Structures are given as structure tokens and as C-alpha cells.
Amino acid sequence: MASPNVEGTSNATATGGSQMGVVVGSSTTETLGFYGATGVAKQSSTGVTTVAGVIALLQALGLVS
């Protein structure tokens, strides 16, 4: 298996012990994108009341097209 491509200095943090997990981004202004999409800052679902609104949020992340 190839090594993951992690760029930057603090993209992911893994904690040990019984509480294993990964934190991606340490602030809401850091960006994240999937499948080659340009990264976007944390999305807010406040005011999203339709399926189309949820789809738009997922599209911004690159999770659906």
C-alpha cells in the first residue's frame, strides 16, 4: 500500500489510547476537498431546509456531482 499524501504541517492528528480518532483541520477556516475538488472551509447547514440544499453542501466538498 502506498503512503498517504499529506501536505502541510498539521493536517491530521491521531490520538492514542482507548479514544482513537483523526481530526482533520484545527480551525473552521482550514479547507477540505474530496476527489480533486478545490478545498472549501467548513460548511454550515444553518438554514438548509431542502434536499437540494444538502446536495449543494456535498457538491462544494466534492462528495457528489
N, C-alpha and C. Protein backbone atom coordinates (compact mmCIF):
# COMPACT_ATOMS: atom_id res chain seq x y z
N MET A 1 0.85 -1.18 0.00
CA MET A 1 0.00 0.00 0.00
C MET A 1 0.89 1.24 0.00
N ALA A 2 0.56 2.20 -0.82
CA ALA A 2 1.34 3.43 -0.90
C ALA A 2 1.11 4.30 0.32
N SER A 3 2.09 5.10 0.64
CA SER A 3 1.95 6.03 1.76
C SER A 3 0.95 7.12 1.39
N PRO A 4 0.16 7.61 2.37
CA PRO A 4 -0.80 8.67 2.07
C PRO A 4 -0.08 9.97 1.75
N ASN A 5 -0.68 10.78 0.92
CA ASN A 5 -0.13 12.08 0.57
C ASN A 5 -0.71 13.11 1.52
N VAL A 6 0.07 13.54 2.51
CA VAL A 6 -0.38 14.53 3.48
C VAL A 6 0.47 15.76 3.31
N GLU A 7 -0.17 16.88 2.99
CA GLU A 7 0.55 18.12 2.79
C GLU A 7 0.29 19.05 3.96
N GLY A 8 1.21 19.98 4.18
CA GLY A 8 1.07 20.93 5.27
C GLY A 8 1.75 20.41 6.52
N THR A 9 1.59 21.14 7.59
CA THR A 9 2.27 20.76 8.83
C THR A 9 1.35 20.22 9.90
N SER A 10 0.04 20.44 9.78
CA SER A 10 -0.85 19.98 10.84
C SER A 10 -2.21 19.55 10.29
N ASN A 11 -2.19 18.78 9.20
CA ASN A 11 -3.45 18.39 8.58
C ASN A 11 -4.23 17.36 9.38
N ALA A 12 -3.54 16.45 10.06
CA ALA A 12 -4.25 15.40 10.77
C ALA A 12 -3.58 15.12 12.10
N THR A 13 -4.39 14.82 13.08
CA THR A 13 -3.90 14.46 14.39
C THR A 13 -4.56 13.15 14.80
N ALA A 14 -3.77 12.18 15.19
CA ALA A 14 -4.31 10.91 15.67
C ALA A 14 -4.01 10.80 17.16
N THR A 15 -5.01 10.41 17.92
CA THR A 15 -4.81 10.26 19.35
C THR A 15 -4.73 8.79 19.70
N GLY A 16 -4.00 8.47 20.75
CA GLY A 16 -3.84 7.08 21.15
C GLY A 16 -4.75 6.71 22.29
N GLY A 17 -4.51 5.56 22.87
CA GLY A 17 -5.33 5.09 23.98
C GLY A 17 -6.64 4.52 23.50
N SER A 18 -7.63 4.54 24.37
CA SER A 18 -8.93 3.94 24.04
C SER A 18 -9.78 4.84 23.15
N GLN A 19 -9.38 6.08 22.97
CA GLN A 19 -10.15 7.02 22.16
C GLN A 19 -9.43 7.30 20.85
N MET A 20 -9.39 6.32 19.94
CA MET A 20 -8.73 6.50 18.67
C MET A 20 -9.59 7.37 17.75
N GLY A 21 -8.93 8.21 16.98
CA GLY A 21 -9.66 9.04 16.05
C GLY A 21 -8.72 9.90 15.25
N VAL A 22 -9.25 10.60 14.28
CA VAL A 22 -8.47 11.50 13.45
C VAL A 22 -9.20 12.84 13.40
N VAL A 23 -8.47 13.91 13.61
CA VAL A 23 -9.01 15.25 13.49
C VAL A 23 -8.43 15.85 12.22
N VAL A 24 -9.28 16.31 11.33
CA VAL A 24 -8.83 16.95 10.09
C VAL A 24 -9.12 18.43 10.21
N GLY A 25 -8.08 19.22 10.18
CA GLY A 25 -8.24 20.66 10.33
C GLY A 25 -8.40 21.05 11.79
N SER A 26 -7.73 22.11 12.17
CA SER A 26 -7.82 22.54 13.56
C SER A 26 -8.62 23.82 13.71
N SER A 27 -9.13 24.37 12.61
CA SER A 27 -10.00 25.55 12.69
C SER A 27 -11.01 25.49 11.55
N THR A 28 -12.07 26.29 11.67
CA THR A 28 -13.13 26.28 10.66
C THR A 28 -12.72 26.97 9.37
N THR A 29 -11.57 27.65 9.36
CA THR A 29 -11.13 28.32 8.14
C THR A 29 -10.22 27.45 7.28
N GLU A 30 -9.74 26.33 7.82
CA GLU A 30 -8.94 25.42 7.02
C GLU A 30 -9.87 24.75 6.01
N THR A 31 -9.31 24.36 4.87
CA THR A 31 -10.16 23.85 3.79
C THR A 31 -10.01 22.35 3.62
N LEU A 32 -11.05 21.75 3.02
CA LEU A 32 -11.09 20.32 2.79
C LEU A 32 -11.83 20.08 1.48
N GLY A 33 -11.30 19.20 0.64
CA GLY A 33 -11.95 18.85 -0.61
C GLY A 33 -11.72 17.38 -0.89
N PHE A 34 -12.62 16.74 -1.59
CA PHE A 34 -12.53 15.33 -1.92
C PHE A 34 -12.50 15.15 -3.43
N TYR A 35 -11.83 14.09 -3.88
CA TYR A 35 -11.82 13.68 -5.28
C TYR A 35 -11.38 14.80 -6.21
N GLY A 36 -10.35 15.53 -5.81
CA GLY A 36 -9.78 16.57 -6.66
C GLY A 36 -10.50 17.91 -6.61
N ALA A 37 -11.55 18.01 -5.81
CA ALA A 37 -12.26 19.28 -5.70
C ALA A 37 -11.40 20.28 -4.94
N THR A 38 -11.53 21.55 -5.28
CA THR A 38 -10.85 22.60 -4.54
C THR A 38 -11.39 22.61 -3.12
N GLY A 39 -10.51 22.70 -2.15
CA GLY A 39 -10.93 22.69 -0.75
C GLY A 39 -11.79 23.89 -0.40
N VAL A 40 -12.74 23.66 0.49
CA VAL A 40 -13.60 24.73 0.99
C VAL A 40 -13.55 24.72 2.51
N ALA A 41 -13.82 25.87 3.12
CA ALA A 41 -13.88 25.97 4.58
C ALA A 41 -15.10 25.21 5.08
N LYS A 42 -15.18 25.01 6.38
CA LYS A 42 -16.29 24.28 6.99
C LYS A 42 -17.62 24.84 6.51
N GLN A 43 -18.47 23.95 6.04
CA GLN A 43 -19.79 24.33 5.54
C GLN A 43 -20.78 24.42 6.70
N SER A 44 -21.74 25.33 6.60
CA SER A 44 -22.77 25.47 7.61
C SER A 44 -24.10 24.98 7.05
N SER A 45 -24.80 24.18 7.82
CA SER A 45 -26.11 23.71 7.38
C SER A 45 -27.24 24.56 7.95
N THR A 46 -26.90 25.63 8.66
CA THR A 46 -27.91 26.52 9.22
C THR A 46 -28.75 27.11 8.09
N GLY A 47 -30.01 26.95 8.17
CA GLY A 47 -30.92 27.48 7.16
C GLY A 47 -31.16 26.55 5.99
N VAL A 48 -30.45 25.42 5.93
CA VAL A 48 -30.66 24.47 4.84
C VAL A 48 -31.89 23.63 5.20
N THR A 49 -32.92 23.77 4.39
CA THR A 49 -34.18 23.08 4.71
C THR A 49 -34.65 22.15 3.60
N THR A 50 -33.85 22.01 2.55
CA THR A 50 -34.26 21.16 1.43
C THR A 50 -33.17 20.15 1.11
N VAL A 51 -33.58 19.10 0.43
CA VAL A 51 -32.61 18.11 -0.05
C VAL A 51 -31.63 18.79 -1.00
N ALA A 52 -32.12 19.69 -1.82
CA ALA A 52 -31.25 20.40 -2.77
C ALA A 52 -30.18 21.19 -2.02
N GLY A 53 -30.53 21.74 -0.88
CA GLY A 53 -29.56 22.48 -0.07
C GLY A 53 -28.46 21.58 0.47
N VAL A 54 -28.84 20.40 0.92
CA VAL A 54 -27.87 19.43 1.41
C VAL A 54 -26.97 18.97 0.27
N ILE A 55 -27.54 18.72 -0.89
CA ILE A 55 -26.76 18.32 -2.05
C ILE A 55 -25.75 19.41 -2.42
N ALA A 56 -26.15 20.66 -2.35
CA ALA A 56 -25.23 21.77 -2.65
C ALA A 56 -24.04 21.77 -1.70
N LEU A 57 -24.28 21.51 -0.41
CA LEU A 57 -23.20 21.43 0.55
C LEU A 57 -22.24 20.28 0.21
N LEU A 58 -22.79 19.13 -0.15
CA LEU A 58 -21.96 17.97 -0.52
C LEU A 58 -21.20 18.22 -1.81
N GLN A 59 -21.81 18.94 -2.75
CA GLN A 59 -21.14 19.27 -4.01
C GLN A 59 -19.94 20.18 -3.75
N ALA A 60 -20.08 21.13 -2.83
CA ALA A 60 -18.98 22.04 -2.52
C ALA A 60 -17.77 21.29 -2.02
N LEU A 61 -17.98 20.18 -1.31
CA LEU A 61 -16.89 19.36 -0.81
C LEU A 61 -16.34 18.40 -1.86
N GLY A 62 -17.10 18.18 -2.92
CA GLY A 62 -16.68 17.24 -3.95
C GLY A 62 -17.16 15.83 -3.70
N LEU A 63 -18.09 15.65 -2.78
CA LEU A 63 -18.58 14.31 -2.44
C LEU A 63 -19.65 13.80 -3.40
N VAL A 64 -20.38 14.71 -4.03
CA VAL A 64 -21.34 14.32 -5.06
C VAL A 64 -21.20 15.30 -6.22
N SER A 65 -21.65 14.85 -7.39
CA SER A 65 -21.57 15.76 -8.56
C SER A 65 -22.95 15.99 -9.14
